[in-house]
């Protein structure tokens, strides 16, 4: 079967009707793009390869269960699945670092914890947990950019490519995320140092 010129939509339909070769063609067409999307986030070749498989397994399960809505947007749908898997993987395997707020202040910089003090360690851990909760309360688009920038150390170029938006949009989301996070922290009197600036 010659699949040159056959659309993704047609291949999905063929696969739904039992043509396994059609799905192989979809994977061949898009695996490089999907892998890149994942790798930009996890920055680990082996983890990215595992998540690539997971993404296509999820694609298979969704199509076979009849839950896939054909809108002619197969690739964006697969990229979103891959993106979400990569974000979830990163969250599970990395600790939350210090966050730099919109005005350049850094969370926890004003806190001095005595080494070896169990009480100090517990206070810091409790505050970290609270900060995680505040980050989770941000709107999805803002939370996503904040995690990618501060936790994953991704450039705005990589963030823009990974989320399929312009760099200006990514920058704007980051700005609003930090403004909103600072407001939440002010409300709860979480300490941060407003003397340190980092772009």
C-alpha atoms as a PDB file:
ATOM      1  CA  UNK A   1       0.000   0.000   0.000  1.00  0.00           C
ATOM      2  CA  UNK A   2       1.458   3.340  -1.084  1.00  0.00           C
ATOM      3  CA  UNK A   3       0.799   5.882   1.659  1.00  0.00           C
ATOM      4  CA  UNK A   4       2.431   8.860  -0.050  1.00  0.00           C
ATOM      5  CA  UNK A   5      -0.191  11.600  -0.239  1.00  0.00           C
ATOM      6  CA  UNK A   6      -2.484   9.849   2.247  1.00  0.00           C
ATOM      7  CA  UNK A   7      -3.519  12.247   5.032  1.00  0.00           C
ATOM      8  CA  UNK A   8      -3.190  11.568   8.738  1.00  0.00           C
ATOM      9  CA  UNK A   9      -6.964  11.552   8.954  1.00  0.00           C
ATOM     10  CA  UNK A  10      -7.209   8.820   6.325  1.00  0.00           C
ATOM     11  CA  UNK A  11      -4.508   6.782   8.061  1.00  0.00           C
ATOM     12  CA  UNK A  12      -6.382   6.998  11.365  1.00  0.00           C
ATOM     13  CA  UNK A  13      -9.535   5.780   9.639  1.00  0.00           C
ATOM     14  CA  UNK A  14      -7.636   2.894   8.069  1.00  0.00           C
ATOM     15  CA  UNK A  15      -6.167   1.985  11.453  1.00  0.00           C
ATOM     16  CA  UNK A  16      -9.618   2.050  13.057  1.00  0.00           C
ATOM     17  CA  UNK A  17     -10.650  -0.503  10.438  1.00  0.00           C
ATOM     18  CA  UNK A  18      -7.821  -2.842  11.357  1.00  0.00           C
ATOM     19  CA  UNK A  19      -4.978  -1.720   9.106  1.00  0.00           C
ATOM     20  CA  UNK A  20      -1.911  -1.901  11.379  1.00  0.00           C
ATOM     21  CA  UNK A  21       0.380  -0.609   8.624  1.00  0.00           C
ATOM     22  CA  UNK A  22      -1.539   2.667   8.678  1.00  0.00           C
ATOM     23  CA  UNK A  23      -0.549   3.259  12.283  1.00  0.00           C
ATOM     24  CA  UNK A  24       3.072   2.374  11.541  1.00  0.00           C
ATOM     25  CA  UNK A  25       3.024   5.085   8.896  1.00  0.00           C
ATOM     26  CA  UNK A  26       1.659   7.626  11.411  1.00  0.00           C
ATOM     27  CA  UNK A  27       4.455   6.746  13.836  1.00  0.00           C
ATOM     28  CA  UNK A  28       7.092   6.992  11.092  1.00  0.00           C
ATOM     29  CA  UNK A  29       5.787  10.396  10.019  1.00  0.00           C
ATOM     30  CA  UNK A  30       5.654  11.981  13.446  1.00  0.00           C
ATOM     31  CA  UNK A  31       7.956  10.191  15.889  1.00  0.00           C
ATOM     32  CA  UNK A  32      10.869  12.623  15.371  1.00  0.00           C
ATOM     33  CA  UNK A  33       8.695  15.653  16.154  1.00  0.00           C
ATOM     34  CA  UNK A  34       7.101  13.934  19.163  1.00  0.00           C
ATOM     35  CA  UNK A  35      10.510  12.837  20.468  1.00  0.00           C
ATOM     36  CA  UNK A  36      11.861  16.394  20.185  1.00  0.00           C
ATOM     37  CA  UNK A  37       8.889  17.786  22.112  1.00  0.00           C
ATOM     38  CA  UNK A  38       9.548  15.333  24.943  1.00  0.00           C
ATOM     39  CA  UNK A  39      13.332  15.728  24.901  1.00  0.00           C
ATOM     40  CA  UNK A  40      13.120  19.528  25.184  1.00  0.00           C
ATOM     41  CA  UNK A  41      11.420  18.999  28.536  1.00  0.00           C
ATOM     42  CA  UNK A  42      13.126  15.966  30.106  1.00  0.00           C
ATOM     43  CA  UNK A  43      16.589  16.511  28.537  1.00  0.00           C
ATOM     44  CA  UNK A  44      17.353  12.799  28.809  1.00  0.00           C
ATOM     45  CA  UNK A  45      17.493  10.623  25.693  1.00  0.00           C
ATOM     46  CA  UNK A  46      16.503   7.382  27.422  1.00  0.00           C
ATOM     47  CA  UNK A  47      13.635   8.925  29.376  1.00  0.00           C
ATOM     48  CA  UNK A  48      12.453  10.629  26.180  1.00  0.00           C
ATOM     49  CA  UNK A  49      12.489   7.303  24.317  1.00  0.00           C
ATOM     50  CA  UNK A  50      10.410   5.658  27.058  1.00  0.00           C
ATOM     51  CA  UNK A  51       7.906   8.522  27.066  1.00  0.00           C
ATOM     52  CA  UNK A  52       7.731   8.416  23.260  1.00  0.00           C
ATOM     53  CA  UNK A  53       6.545   4.812  23.508  1.00  0.00           C
ATOM     54  CA  UNK A  54       4.116   5.722  26.280  1.00  0.00           C
ATOM     55  CA  UNK A  55       2.680   8.529  24.148  1.00  0.00           C
ATOM     56  CA  UNK A  56       1.973   6.245  21.185  1.00  0.00           C
ATOM     57  CA  UNK A  57       0.562   3.551  23.481  1.00  0.00           C
ATOM     58  CA  UNK A  58      -1.874   6.156  24.770  1.00  0.00           C
ATOM     59  CA  UNK A  59      -2.692   7.105  21.177  1.00  0.00           C
ATOM     60  CA  UNK A  60      -3.437   3.462  20.330  1.00  0.00           C
ATOM     61  CA  UNK A  61      -5.624   2.991  23.404  1.00  0.00           C
ATOM     62  CA  UNK A  62      -7.574   6.182  22.726  1.00  0.00           C
ATOM     63  CA  UNK A  63      -8.207   5.354  19.071  1.00  0.00           C
ATOM     64  CA  UNK A  64      -9.129   1.725  19.761  1.00  0.00           C
ATOM     65  CA  UNK A  65     -11.500   2.723  22.552  1.00  0.00           C
ATOM     66  CA  UNK A  66     -13.347   5.006  20.134  1.00  0.00           C
ATOM     67  CA  UNK A  67     -12.556   8.141  22.176  1.00  0.00           C
ATOM     68  CA  UNK A  68     -10.517   9.865  19.491  1.00  0.00           C
ATOM     69  CA  UNK A  69     -12.459  12.705  17.873  1.00  0.00           C
ATOM     70  CA  UNK A  70     -11.335  13.135  14.285  1.00  0.00           C
ATOM     71  CA  UNK A  71     -10.835  16.821  13.571  1.00  0.00           C
ATOM     72  CA  UNK A  72      -7.944  16.576  11.169  1.00  0.00           C
ATOM     73  CA  UNK A  73      -5.534  17.538  13.952  1.00  0.00           C
ATOM     74  CA  UNK A  74      -3.743  14.276  14.673  1.00  0.00           C
ATOM     75  CA  UNK A  75      -0.238  15.706  15.155  1.00  0.00           C
ATOM     76  CA  UNK A  76      -1.212  18.534  17.570  1.00  0.00           C
ATOM     77  CA  UNK A  77      -3.183  15.971  19.581  1.00  0.00           C
ATOM     78  CA  UNK A  78      -0.241  13.564  19.802  1.00  0.00           C
ATOM     79  CA  UNK A  79       2.140  16.407  20.697  1.00  0.00           C
ATOM     80  CA  UNK A  80      -0.158  17.454  23.535  1.00  0.00           C
ATOM     81  CA  UNK A  81      -0.204  13.891  24.895  1.00  0.00           C
ATOM     82  CA  UNK A  82       3.600  13.741  24.699  1.00  0.00           C
ATOM     83  CA  UNK A  83       3.970  17.161  26.277  1.00  0.00           C
ATOM     84  CA  UNK A  84       1.732  16.222  29.231  1.00  0.00           C
ATOM     85  CA  UNK A  85       3.568  12.931  29.793  1.00  0.00           C
ATOM     86  CA  UNK A  86       6.900  14.755  29.812  1.00  0.00           C
ATOM     87  CA  UNK A  87       5.665  17.372  32.288  1.00  0.00           C
ATOM     88  CA  UNK A  88       4.269  14.661  34.573  1.00  0.00           C
ATOM     89  CA  UNK A  89       7.539  12.737  34.409  1.00  0.00           C
ATOM     90  CA  UNK A  90       9.559  15.808  35.283  1.00  0.00           C
ATOM     91  CA  UNK A  91       7.322  16.652  38.240  1.00  0.00           C
ATOM     92  CA  UNK A  92       7.716  13.171  39.662  1.00  0.00           C
ATOM     93  CA  UNK A  93      11.494  13.099  39.376  1.00  0.00           C
ATOM     94  CA  UNK A  94      12.615  16.608  40.251  1.00  0.00           C
ATOM     95  CA  UNK A  95      12.491  18.775  43.349  1.00  0.00           C
ATOM     96  CA  UNK A  96      11.061  22.267  43.240  1.00  0.00           C
ATOM     97  CA  UNK A  97      13.890  24.840  43.400  1.00  0.00           C
ATOM     98  CA  UNK A  98      13.824  28.460  44.500  1.00  0.00           C
ATOM     99  CA  UNK A  99      11.479  30.606  42.426  1.00  0.00           C
ATOM    100  CA  UNK A 100      12.424  34.129  41.337  1.00  0.00           C
ATOM    101  CA  UNK A 101       9.390  36.395  41.389  1.00  0.00           C
ATOM    102  CA  UNK A 102       8.367  39.063  38.898  1.00  0.00           C
ATOM    103  CA  UNK A 103      10.172  41.827  40.798  1.00  0.00           C
ATOM    104  CA  UNK A 104      13.378  39.764  41.044  1.00  0.00           C
ATOM    105  CA  UNK A 105      12.861  38.646  44.636  1.00  0.00           C
ATOM    106  CA  UNK A 106      13.656  35.056  45.483  1.00  0.00           C
ATOM    107  CA  UNK A 107      11.517  32.832  47.632  1.00  0.00           C
ATOM    108  CA  UNK A 108      13.264  31.639  50.837  1.00  0.00           C
ATOM    109  CA  UNK A 109      16.319  33.921  50.486  1.00  0.00           C
ATOM    110  CA  UNK A 110      15.439  35.766  53.713  1.00  0.00           C
ATOM    111  CA  UNK A 111      15.077  32.505  55.594  1.00  0.00           C
ATOM    112  CA  UNK A 112      18.114  31.316  57.478  1.00  0.00           C
ATOM    113  CA  UNK A 113      17.937  27.726  58.669  1.00  0.00           C
ATOM    114  CA  UNK A 114      20.431  26.355  61.166  1.00  0.00           C
ATOM    115  CA  UNK A 115      22.099  23.227  59.855  1.00  0.00           C
ATOM    116  CA  UNK A 116      21.090  20.132  61.721  1.00  0.00           C
ATOM    117  CA  UNK A 117      18.008  21.719  63.255  1.00  0.00           C
ATOM    118  CA  UNK A 118      15.086  19.365  62.702  1.00  0.00           C
ATOM    119  CA  UNK A 119      12.651  22.183  63.406  1.00  0.00           C
ATOM    120  CA  UNK A 120      14.247  24.411  60.770  1.00  0.00           C
ATOM    121  CA  UNK A 121      14.232  21.621  58.199  1.00  0.00           C
ATOM    122  CA  UNK A 122      10.561  20.929  58.913  1.00  0.00           C
ATOM    123  CA  UNK A 123       9.622  24.600  58.589  1.00  0.00           C
ATOM    124  CA  UNK A 124      11.399  24.825  55.245  1.00  0.00           C
ATOM    125  CA  UNK A 125       9.756  21.615  54.025  1.00  0.00           C
ATOM    126  CA  UNK A 126       6.307  22.832  55.095  1.00  0.00           C
ATOM    127  CA  UNK A 127       6.874  26.111  53.267  1.00  0.00           C
ATOM    128  CA  UNK A 128       8.060  24.262  50.168  1.00  0.00           C
ATOM    129  CA  UNK A 129       4.880  22.189  50.213  1.00  0.00           C
ATOM    130  CA  UNK A 130       2.798  25.369  50.496  1.00  0.00           C
ATOM    131  CA  UNK A 131       4.673  26.892  47.582  1.00  0.00           C
ATOM    132  CA  UNK A 132       3.998  23.802  45.463  1.00  0.00           C
ATOM    133  CA  UNK A 133       0.298  24.149  46.244  1.00  0.00           C
ATOM    134  CA  UNK A 134       0.303  27.822  45.245  1.00  0.00           C
ATOM    135  CA  UNK A 135       2.008  26.978  41.951  1.00  0.00           C
ATOM    136  CA  UNK A 136      -0.623  24.306  41.278  1.00  0.00           C
ATOM    137  CA  UNK A 137      -3.365  26.918  41.801  1.00  0.00           C
ATOM    138  CA  UNK A 138      -2.082  29.069  38.919  1.00  0.00           C
ATOM    139  CA  UNK A 139      -3.944  28.941  35.579  1.00  0.00           C
ATOM    140  CA  UNK A 140      -2.734  26.003  33.464  1.00  0.00           C
ATOM    141  CA  UNK A 141      -0.853  28.081  30.879  1.00  0.00           C
ATOM    142  CA  UNK A 142       0.927  30.148  33.547  1.00  0.00           C
ATOM    143  CA  UNK A 143       1.802  27.140  35.709  1.00  0.00           C
ATOM    144  CA  UNK A 144       3.200  25.302  32.704  1.00  0.00           C
ATOM    145  CA  UNK A 145       5.580  28.115  31.722  1.00  0.00           C
ATOM    146  CA  UNK A 146       6.667  28.689  35.335  1.00  0.00           C
ATOM    147  CA  UNK A 147       7.539  25.013  35.794  1.00  0.00           C
ATOM    148  CA  UNK A 148       9.417  24.855  32.503  1.00  0.00           C
ATOM    149  CA  UNK A 149      11.377  28.046  33.150  1.00  0.00           C
ATOM    150  CA  UNK A 150      12.256  27.821  36.838  1.00  0.00           C
ATOM    151  CA  UNK A 151      12.137  24.099  37.526  1.00  0.00           C
ATOM    152  CA  UNK A 152      13.348  22.705  34.220  1.00  0.00           C
ATOM    153  CA  UNK A 153      15.709  25.585  33.354  1.00  0.00           C
ATOM    154  CA  UNK A 154      14.301  25.734  29.797  1.00  0.00           C
ATOM    155  CA  UNK A 155      14.948  28.748  27.584  1.00  0.00           C
ATOM    156  CA  UNK A 156      11.970  30.796  26.409  1.00  0.00           C
ATOM    157  CA  UNK A 157      12.755  29.628  22.866  1.00  0.00           C
ATOM    158  CA  UNK A 158      12.395  25.990  23.977  1.00  0.00           C
ATOM    159  CA  UNK A 159       9.269  26.803  25.987  1.00  0.00           C
ATOM    160  CA  UNK A 160       7.713  28.515  22.976  1.00  0.00           C
ATOM    161  CA  UNK A 161       8.483  25.555  20.713  1.00  0.00           C
ATOM    162  CA  UNK A 162       7.290  22.994  23.239  1.00  0.00           C
ATOM    163  CA  UNK A 163       3.978  24.754  23.939  1.00  0.00           C
ATOM    164  CA  UNK A 164       3.480  25.842  20.321  1.00  0.00           C
ATOM    165  CA  UNK A 165       3.208  29.580  21.088  1.00  0.00           C
ATOM    166  CA  UNK A 166       5.314  32.655  20.265  1.00  0.00           C
ATOM    167  CA  UNK A 167       8.174  33.708  22.530  1.00  0.00           C
ATOM    168  CA  UNK A 168       6.242  36.879  23.416  1.00  0.00           C
ATOM    169  CA  UNK A 169       3.265  34.792  24.529  1.00  0.00           C
ATOM    170  CA  UNK A 170       5.532  32.570  26.650  1.00  0.00           C
ATOM    171  CA  UNK A 171       7.130  35.662  28.220  1.00  0.00           C
ATOM    172  CA  UNK A 172       3.722  37.161  28.925  1.00  0.00           C
ATOM    173  CA  UNK A 173       2.472  33.993  30.599  1.00  0.00           C
ATOM    174  CA  UNK A 174       5.604  33.881  32.731  1.00  0.00           C
ATOM    175  CA  UNK A 175       5.163  37.486  33.819  1.00  0.00           C
ATOM    176  CA  UNK A 176       1.560  36.949  34.872  1.00  0.00           C
ATOM    177  CA  UNK A 177       2.447  33.688  36.613  1.00  0.00           C
ATOM    178  CA  UNK A 178       5.044  35.449  38.773  1.00  0.00           C
ATOM    179  CA  UNK A 179       2.742  38.394  39.516  1.00  0.00           C
ATOM    180  CA  UNK A 180      -0.036  36.030  40.585  1.00  0.00           C
ATOM    181  CA  UNK A 181       2.317  33.891  42.644  1.00  0.00           C
ATOM    182  CA  UNK A 182       3.675  36.955  44.450  1.00  0.00           C
ATOM    183  CA  UNK A 183       0.131  38.093  45.275  1.00  0.00           C
ATOM    184  CA  UNK A 184      -0.657  34.678  46.746  1.00  0.00           C
ATOM    185  CA  UNK A 185       2.541  34.724  48.784  1.00  0.00           C
ATOM    186  CA  UNK A 186       1.927  38.255  50.079  1.00  0.00           C
ATOM    187  CA  UNK A 187      -1.540  37.175  51.168  1.00  0.00           C
ATOM    188  CA  UNK A 188      -0.095  34.265  53.143  1.00  0.00           C
ATOM    189  CA  UNK A 189       2.972  36.199  54.400  1.00  0.00           C
ATOM    190  CA  UNK A 190       5.475  33.801  52.824  1.00  0.00           C
ATOM    191  CA  UNK A 191       8.981  35.251  53.142  1.00  0.00           C
ATOM    192  CA  UNK A 192      10.964  36.306  50.114  1.00  0.00           C
ATOM    193  CA  UNK A 193      13.916  38.594  49.508  1.00  0.00           C
ATOM    194  CA  UNK A 194      13.158  41.633  47.349  1.00  0.00           C
ATOM    195  CA  UNK A 195      16.795  42.753  47.102  1.00  0.00           C
ATOM    196  CA  UNK A 196      17.949  40.123  44.629  1.00  0.00           C
ATOM    197  CA  UNK A 197      17.243  40.358  40.907  1.00  0.00           C
ATOM    198  CA  UNK A 198      17.664  37.669  38.297  1.00  0.00           C
ATOM    199  CA  UNK A 199      16.301  37.739  34.765  1.00  0.00           C
END
